[in-house]
C-alpha cells in the first residue's frame, strides 16, 4: 500500500516538474523550481524505489528470510548430530572388547585358584566340619571318605552325552548317597551325596524296573499281614527271625576320593527339574538331598578316582582336568577381544569417511 502511494505521488510530482520544465523552456527552469520541491521529489522517488523492492510491513507474513535461515541452521545442526551417531556402534563394540579383557583376567585367576586347590593332598572327610565352614572354603578341595552306597536312592541327572572313539552316546550322571558304616570309626559320620560318574542310559531303565518290582501292591501287603496273624506260634517266630535277618544290609565298604562341589547353574535353555517324576536335568544339591530323604545341607562330592576296573568300567568318574577347564577359556576371551576391537575400528572408519566430505566443503 505504501509502495503504490509513494509511486503515485512520485508520478504526480514528476508530471508537474516536467510541465514546469516545458513551460519554462529548458533546463534552467529546473533551477527555478523551489528547492524543497526538488528534494521532496527525489526523496519520494528514492522512497518509492525502496518500498517497491522490500515487502510491505503490513503484508501477511507468509515467508520471512530470517526464520527460514534459522530453520536451515537447526536442520543442519540436527543432521550433524545424527551423523555423529554413526560412531555409536563403534563405541559399543569397543566397550565389549574392553569387557572381554576383564573377563579374561577373571577367568585366569579362577582357573589358577582351582588348579592350586586340586593340587593339595586329599583330606579325610571326618577331619572337616562342614557345618561350621562355608561351601566356598571347601569347594574344589579333594576329600577322602569311606562308607557304603545306598543304591536304592540313586538319582540320575541328564541326559549327558559322551564321545567314545568318535561315537556319541547318551547317558546320565548317577548320584548316590554314601552312608556311614555301622561300628566303623573310619567311615563317614554323616551321609554325603556322591556323583559317581557317567553311566549308560540302560542303567536308569534298570533302576526304574527294580524300583517298580521292589514295592508290592497294597492289597498284597494286607493279605500277607493277615496270613502272618493266622500262622502258628513257631511259624510266627521263624518269620520274625527271617525278617530281622533280612533287615541287616549287606554292606560293601567303598572308599571315595572326590572334589567338593556346589549346585550347577543351568542356562535358560535347560528345563526345570521334576523331582516328582524323577526327571533331573541339572544338579540341584538341596533338591536332590530332599529327594534322597537327607538334610538340605548335605555335602556334594564328585568322584575323581582314576583307578577304574576294566571288568566294571561304569560308573565312569569325572576327569579331574575337566574341573580346570571352562566352556569359555582365556584364549577364547582374547579372540573375542580382537573381534570386537576389529569391528569397532571398521565402524569408526566408515563413520569418518561418511563425515569427511561434509567437512571438506566447509
Protein backbone atom coordinates (compact mmCIF):
# COMPACT_ATOMS: atom_id res chain seq x y z
CA UNK A 1 0.00 0.00 0.00
CA UNK A 2 2.78 2.42 0.86
CA UNK A 3 4.62 1.48 -2.32
CA UNK A 4 1.62 2.34 -4.51
CA UNK A 5 1.02 5.57 -2.62
CA UNK A 6 4.64 6.66 -2.94
CA UNK A 7 4.68 5.70 -6.59
CA UNK A 8 1.57 7.77 -7.36
CA UNK A 9 2.96 10.79 -5.50
CA UNK A 10 6.24 10.45 -7.35
CA UNK A 11 4.49 10.24 -10.68
CA UNK A 12 2.39 13.34 -9.91
CA UNK A 13 5.40 15.35 -8.92
CA UNK A 14 7.32 14.19 -11.95
CA UNK A 15 4.50 15.27 -14.26
CA UNK A 16 4.30 18.62 -12.59
CA UNK A 17 8.01 19.19 -12.77
CA UNK A 18 8.03 18.12 -16.41
CA UNK A 19 5.23 20.56 -17.16
CA UNK A 20 7.10 23.39 -15.49
CA UNK A 21 10.21 22.48 -17.41
CA UNK A 22 8.34 22.51 -20.68
CA UNK A 23 6.65 25.80 -19.84
CA UNK A 24 9.85 27.34 -18.55
CA UNK A 25 11.72 26.08 -21.59
CA UNK A 26 14.92 24.27 -20.92
CA UNK A 27 16.98 23.03 -18.08
CA UNK A 28 17.19 26.37 -16.45
CA UNK A 29 13.60 26.07 -15.43
CA UNK A 30 14.50 23.25 -13.08
CA UNK A 31 16.73 25.52 -11.15
CA UNK A 32 13.92 27.99 -10.89
CA UNK A 33 11.76 25.50 -9.06
CA UNK A 34 11.62 25.73 -5.30
CA UNK A 35 14.47 23.79 -3.69
CA UNK A 36 12.25 21.83 -1.32
CA UNK A 37 10.20 20.62 -4.31
CA UNK A 38 13.25 19.10 -5.95
CA UNK A 39 14.37 17.48 -2.71
CA UNK A 40 10.92 16.16 -1.99
CA UNK A 41 10.63 14.76 -5.49
CA UNK A 42 13.99 12.95 -5.31
CA UNK A 43 13.24 11.72 -1.76
CA UNK A 44 9.88 10.35 -2.76
CA UNK A 45 11.38 8.64 -5.78
CA UNK A 46 14.01 7.02 -3.58
CA UNK A 47 11.36 6.00 -1.02
CA UNK A 48 9.17 4.53 -3.74
CA UNK A 49 12.06 2.50 -5.12
CA UNK A 50 13.00 1.24 -1.66
CA UNK A 51 9.44 0.32 -0.74
CA UNK A 52 8.79 -1.37 -4.07
CA UNK A 53 11.84 -3.66 -3.62
CA UNK A 54 11.02 -4.64 0.02
CA UNK A 55 7.93 -6.42 1.30
CA UNK A 56 5.24 -4.28 2.93
CA UNK A 57 5.23 -4.20 6.71
CA UNK A 58 1.53 -4.85 6.94
CA UNK A 59 1.51 -7.68 4.34
CA UNK A 60 0.75 -11.18 5.51
CA UNK A 61 3.88 -12.88 6.85
CA UNK A 62 3.88 -15.91 4.60
CA UNK A 63 7.67 -16.20 4.24
CA UNK A 64 10.35 -14.33 6.13
CA UNK A 65 14.01 -14.60 5.22
CA UNK A 66 15.17 -14.59 8.84
CA UNK A 67 13.02 -17.53 10.11
CA UNK A 68 13.97 -19.57 7.02
CA UNK A 69 17.62 -19.10 7.85
CA UNK A 70 17.03 -20.23 11.44
CA UNK A 71 15.22 -23.38 10.29
CA UNK A 72 18.03 -24.22 7.92
CA UNK A 73 20.59 -23.81 10.68
CA UNK A 74 18.58 -26.03 13.02
CA UNK A 75 18.24 -28.69 10.34
CA UNK A 76 21.96 -28.60 9.63
CA UNK A 77 22.72 -28.83 13.35
CA UNK A 78 20.34 -31.81 13.75
CA UNK A 79 21.81 -33.60 10.74
CA UNK A 80 25.29 -33.01 12.13
CA UNK A 81 24.34 -34.67 15.44
CA UNK A 82 22.68 -37.56 13.59
CA UNK A 83 25.88 -38.08 11.60
CA UNK A 84 27.90 -38.26 14.82
CA UNK A 85 25.61 -41.10 15.94
CA UNK A 86 27.34 -43.22 13.32
CA UNK A 87 30.18 -43.61 15.84
CA UNK A 88 27.83 -45.14 18.45
CA UNK A 89 28.15 -48.77 17.22
CA UNK A 90 31.91 -48.39 17.22
CA UNK A 91 31.85 -47.16 20.82
CA UNK A 92 29.64 -50.10 21.87
CA UNK A 93 31.88 -52.69 20.23
CA UNK A 94 34.94 -51.04 21.78
CA UNK A 95 33.30 -51.35 25.20
CA UNK A 96 32.54 -55.03 24.59
CA UNK A 97 36.15 -55.68 23.64
CA UNK A 98 37.36 -53.98 26.83
CA UNK A 99 34.88 -56.05 28.89
CA UNK A 100 36.32 -59.23 27.36
CA UNK A 101 39.76 -58.20 28.61
CA UNK A 102 38.49 -58.00 32.19
CA UNK A 103 36.64 -61.31 31.80
CA UNK A 104 39.85 -62.94 30.59
CA UNK A 105 41.73 -61.78 33.68
CA UNK A 106 38.97 -63.08 35.96
CA UNK A 107 38.94 -66.45 34.18
CA UNK A 108 42.72 -66.82 34.51
CA UNK A 109 42.53 -66.15 38.25
CA UNK A 110 39.60 -68.57 38.70
CA UNK A 111 41.28 -71.46 36.86
CA UNK A 112 44.56 -70.85 38.67
CA UNK A 113 42.70 -70.95 42.00
CA UNK A 114 41.04 -74.26 41.10
CA UNK A 115 44.32 -75.83 39.99
CA UNK A 116 46.10 -74.88 43.21
CA UNK A 117 43.23 -76.29 45.30
CA UNK A 118 43.24 -79.57 43.38
CA UNK A 119 47.00 -79.99 43.87
CA UNK A 120 46.56 -80.15 47.65
CA UNK A 121 46.63 -83.63 49.16
CA UNK A 122 43.20 -85.12 49.91
CA UNK A 123 41.93 -84.51 53.40
CA UNK A 124 39.93 -87.00 55.43
CA UNK A 125 36.26 -86.11 55.38
CA UNK A 126 35.92 -86.79 59.11
CA UNK A 127 38.55 -84.13 59.80
CA UNK A 128 36.33 -81.49 58.21
CA UNK A 129 33.46 -79.73 59.87
CA UNK A 130 31.13 -78.76 57.03
CA UNK A 131 28.57 -77.31 59.43
CA UNK A 132 30.99 -74.65 60.64
CA UNK A 133 32.61 -73.84 57.27
CA UNK A 134 31.17 -72.22 54.22
CA UNK A 135 30.93 -74.04 50.92
CA UNK A 136 33.29 -71.50 49.34
CA UNK A 137 36.09 -72.62 51.65
CA UNK A 138 35.52 -76.30 50.84
CA UNK A 139 34.72 -76.18 47.14
CA UNK A 140 37.37 -77.75 44.88
CA UNK A 141 39.04 -79.41 47.87
CA UNK A 142 39.83 -83.09 47.45
CA UNK A 143 38.43 -85.28 50.22
CA UNK A 144 38.71 -88.98 51.05
CA UNK A 145 35.73 -90.71 52.61
CA UNK A 146 34.60 -94.27 53.37
CA UNK A 147 31.12 -95.71 53.55
CA UNK A 148 28.66 -97.75 51.53
CA UNK A 149 26.41 -96.71 48.67
CA UNK A 150 22.64 -96.81 49.09
CA UNK A 151 21.82 -97.88 45.53
CA UNK A 152 18.06 -97.70 46.06
CA UNK A 153 18.17 -93.92 46.44
CA UNK A 154 20.27 -93.16 43.37
CA UNK A 155 19.43 -90.08 41.29
CA UNK A 156 20.12 -89.90 37.55
CA UNK A 157 20.91 -86.44 36.14
CA UNK A 158 20.85 -85.97 32.41
CA UNK A 159 20.87 -86.83 29.66
CA UNK A 160 24.60 -86.20 29.26
CA UNK A 161 26.42 -87.20 26.10
CA UNK A 162 29.83 -88.84 25.95
CA UNK A 163 32.00 -89.36 22.89
CA UNK A 164 33.83 -92.69 22.61
CA UNK A 165 36.08 -93.15 19.55
CA UNK A 166 34.05 -90.60 17.62
CA UNK A 167 30.73 -92.21 18.57
CA UNK A 168 28.40 -90.13 20.77
CA UNK A 169 26.40 -92.00 23.37
CA UNK A 170 23.76 -90.57 25.70
CA UNK A 171 23.80 -91.40 29.37
CA UNK A 172 23.42 -89.94 32.85
CA UNK A 173 25.38 -88.90 35.90
CA UNK A 174 24.42 -91.15 38.80
CA UNK A 175 24.35 -89.53 42.26
CA UNK A 176 24.14 -91.95 45.18
CA UNK A 177 24.15 -91.27 48.95
CA UNK A 178 27.26 -92.55 50.73
CA UNK A 179 26.05 -93.82 54.11
CA UNK A 180 28.02 -94.44 57.34
CA UNK A 181 29.16 -97.98 58.06
CA UNK A 182 27.86 -99.20 61.43
CA UNK A 183 30.53 -99.65 64.09
CA UNK A 184 33.28 -98.35 61.83
CA UNK A 185 35.05 -95.21 63.09
CA UNK A 186 36.87 -94.72 59.78
CA UNK A 187 33.66 -94.29 57.79
CA UNK A 188 31.80 -91.03 57.34
CA UNK A 189 29.78 -89.94 60.32
CA UNK A 190 27.03 -88.31 58.24
CA UNK A 191 25.69 -89.13 54.75
CA UNK A 192 27.08 -87.31 51.73
CA UNK A 193 25.98 -87.18 48.09
CA UNK A 194 28.50 -88.63 45.64
CA UNK A 195 28.41 -88.10 41.89
CA UNK A 196 29.87 -91.47 40.93
CA UNK A 197 30.25 -90.55 37.25
CA UNK A 198 28.75 -91.30 33.86
CA UNK A 199 26.66 -94.40 33.16
CA UNK A 200 24.83 -95.58 30.02
CA UNK A 201 21.12 -94.96 29.61
CA UNK A 202 20.27 -98.58 30.37
CA UNK A 203 21.29 -98.05 33.99
CA UNK A 204 18.38 -95.72 34.59
CA UNK A 205 15.95 -98.05 32.83
CA UNK A 206 17.04 -100.97 35.01
CA UNK A 207 16.76 -98.91 38.20
CA UNK A 208 13.20 -97.96 37.28
CA UNK A 209 12.30 -101.60 36.69
CA UNK A 210 13.82 -102.67 40.00
CA UNK A 211 12.03 -99.92 41.92
CA UNK A 212 8.70 -100.98 40.43
CA UNK A 213 9.22 -104.65 41.39
CA UNK A 214 10.54 -103.98 44.89
CA UNK A 215 7.40 -102.24 46.17
CA UNK A 216 4.50 -104.71 46.22
CA UNK A 217 0.91 -103.53 45.88
CA UNK A 218 -1.05 -102.56 48.97
CA UNK A 219 -3.51 -105.49 48.74
CA UNK A 220 -0.63 -107.99 48.72
CA UNK A 221 0.79 -106.30 51.82
CA UNK A 222 -2.55 -106.57 53.66
CA UNK A 223 -3.10 -110.22 52.71
CA UNK A 224 0.42 -111.18 53.79
CA UNK A 225 -0.14 -109.48 57.15
CA UNK A 226 -3.41 -111.40 57.66
CA UNK A 227 -1.74 -114.70 56.85
CA UNK A 228 1.04 -113.97 59.30
CA UNK A 229 -1.51 -113.32 62.04
CA UNK A 230 -3.19 -116.69 61.38
CA UNK A 231 0.08 -118.58 61.44
CA UNK A 232 1.15 -120.70 64.38
CA UNK A 233 3.35 -119.62 67.25
CA UNK A 234 6.51 -121.30 65.99
CA UNK A 235 5.77 -120.15 62.43
CA UNK A 236 5.43 -116.57 63.66
CA UNK A 237 8.77 -116.60 65.40
CA UNK A 238 10.52 -118.19 62.45
CA UNK A 239 9.17 -115.48 60.15
CA UNK A 240 10.09 -112.78 62.59
CA UNK A 241 13.63 -114.10 62.80
CA UNK A 242 13.79 -114.13 58.99
CA UNK A 243 12.57 -110.56 58.73
CA UNK A 244 15.17 -109.39 61.21
CA UNK A 245 17.89 -111.14 59.24
CA UNK A 246 16.66 -109.54 56.01
CA UNK A 247 16.77 -106.07 57.54
CA UNK A 248 20.53 -106.31 58.08
CA UNK A 249 22.03 -104.81 54.92
CA UNK A 250 24.85 -106.48 53.06
CA UNK A 251 27.33 -103.63 53.39
CA UNK A 252 30.08 -103.29 50.82
CA UNK A 253 32.57 -100.68 52.05
CA UNK A 254 33.91 -98.30 49.43
CA UNK A 255 36.47 -95.52 49.54
CA UNK A 256 35.77 -92.39 47.52
CA UNK A 257 38.26 -89.68 46.59
CA UNK A 258 36.31 -86.75 45.28
CA UNK A 259 36.09 -82.99 44.99
CA UNK A 260 33.61 -80.89 46.93
CA UNK A 261 31.30 -79.09 44.53
CA UNK A 262 28.14 -76.98 44.60
CA UNK A 263 24.93 -76.84 42.60
CA UNK A 264 25.06 -76.28 38.86
CA UNK A 265 23.87 -73.05 37.29
CA UNK A 266 21.76 -74.08 34.29
CA UNK A 267 21.26 -71.92 31.23
CA UNK A 268 17.88 -70.59 30.17
CA UNK A 269 17.52 -73.46 27.69
CA UNK A 270 17.71 -76.19 30.37
CA UNK A 271 14.24 -77.21 31.64
CA UNK A 272 13.34 -77.25 35.30
CA UNK A 273 13.82 -80.39 37.36
CA UNK A 274 10.73 -82.53 38.01
CA UNK A 275 11.54 -84.44 41.19
CA UNK A 276 8.05 -85.97 41.38
CA UNK A 277 8.59 -87.82 38.08
CA UNK A 278 12.31 -88.47 38.60
CA UNK A 279 13.45 -86.07 35.87
CA UNK A 280 16.70 -84.31 36.82
CA UNK A 281 18.28 -82.10 34.16
CA UNK A 282 20.89 -80.36 36.32
CA UNK A 283 22.46 -80.78 39.75
CA UNK A 284 20.48 -79.02 42.48
CA UNK A 285 22.08 -80.22 45.70
CA UNK A 286 19.34 -79.20 48.20
CA UNK A 287 16.57 -80.63 45.98
CA UNK A 288 18.44 -83.89 45.41
CA UNK A 289 19.12 -84.18 49.14
CA UNK A 290 15.41 -83.81 49.86
CA UNK A 291 14.58 -86.45 47.24
CA UNK A 292 17.04 -88.82 48.95
CA UNK A 293 15.48 -88.03 52.36
CA UNK A 294 18.65 -86.29 53.55
CA UNK A 295 19.20 -82.82 55.06
CA UNK A 296 19.43 -79.95 52.57
CA UNK A 297 22.93 -79.02 53.77
CA UNK A 298 24.29 -82.44 52.78
CA UNK A 299 27.72 -82.18 51.20
CA UNK A 300 28.03 -82.97 47.49
CA UNK A 301 31.20 -84.62 46.16
CA UNK A 302 32.21 -85.55 42.60
CA UNK A 303 34.23 -88.76 42.35
CA UNK A 304 37.54 -88.32 40.50
CA UNK A 305 39.05 -91.72 41.24
CA UNK A 306 41.15 -92.76 38.24
CA UNK A 307 41.50 -96.43 39.25
CA UNK A 308 38.71 -97.79 37.07
CA UNK A 309 38.48 -101.54 36.60
CA UNK A 310 38.20 -102.77 33.03
CA UNK A 311 35.83 -105.51 34.21
CA UNK A 312 33.44 -102.93 35.67
CA UNK A 313 34.01 -99.65 33.77
CA UNK A 314 30.82 -97.96 34.95
CA UNK A 315 30.19 -95.60 36.59
CA UNK A 316 33.00 -93.71 34.88
CA UNK A 317 34.30 -90.97 37.25
CA UNK A 318 34.89 -87.45 36.04
CA UNK A 319 38.26 -86.45 34.72
CA UNK A 320 39.94 -84.06 37.14
CA UNK A 321 41.19 -81.98 34.22
CA UNK A 322 37.60 -81.03 33.38
CA UNK A 323 37.46 -79.11 36.65
CA UNK A 324 40.19 -76.73 35.50
CA UNK A 325 38.55 -76.15 32.15
CA UNK A 326 35.69 -73.85 31.29
CA UNK A 327 33.26 -73.52 28.43
CA UNK A 328 34.98 -70.21 27.59
CA UNK A 329 38.71 -70.33 28.14
CA UNK A 330 41.04 -67.29 28.41
CA UNK A 331 42.20 -67.78 24.81
CA UNK A 332 38.56 -67.55 23.70
CA UNK A 333 38.18 -64.26 25.55
CA UNK A 334 41.28 -62.97 23.78
CA UNK A 335 39.80 -63.94 20.40
CA UNK A 336 36.56 -62.17 21.30
CA UNK A 337 38.53 -59.06 22.27
CA UNK A 338 40.30 -58.92 18.90
CA UNK A 339 36.99 -59.45 17.10
CA UNK A 340 35.21 -56.63 18.93
CA UNK A 341 38.12 -54.22 18.50
CA UNK A 342 38.28 -55.00 14.78
CA UNK A 343 34.58 -54.29 14.40
CA UNK A 344 34.97 -51.05 16.36
CA UNK A 345 37.81 -49.89 14.10
CA UNK A 346 35.88 -50.78 10.94
CA UNK A 347 32.72 -48.96 12.06
CA UNK A 348 34.69 -45.88 13.17
CA UNK A 349 36.49 -45.76 9.80
CA UNK A 350 33.22 -45.93 7.86
CA UNK A 351 31.70 -43.21 10.00
CA UNK A 352 34.74 -40.99 9.46
CA UNK A 353 34.53 -41.50 5.71
CA UNK A 354 30.85 -40.60 5.83
CA UNK A 355 31.51 -37.31 7.65
CA UNK A 356 34.67 -36.29 5.80
CA UNK A 357 33.04 -34.90 2.58
CA UNK A 358 30.78 -32.62 4.63
CA UNK A 359 33.75 -31.17 6.46
CA UNK A 360 35.77 -30.65 3.24
CA UNK A 361 33.08 -28.38 1.74
CA UNK A 362 33.19 -26.17 4.76
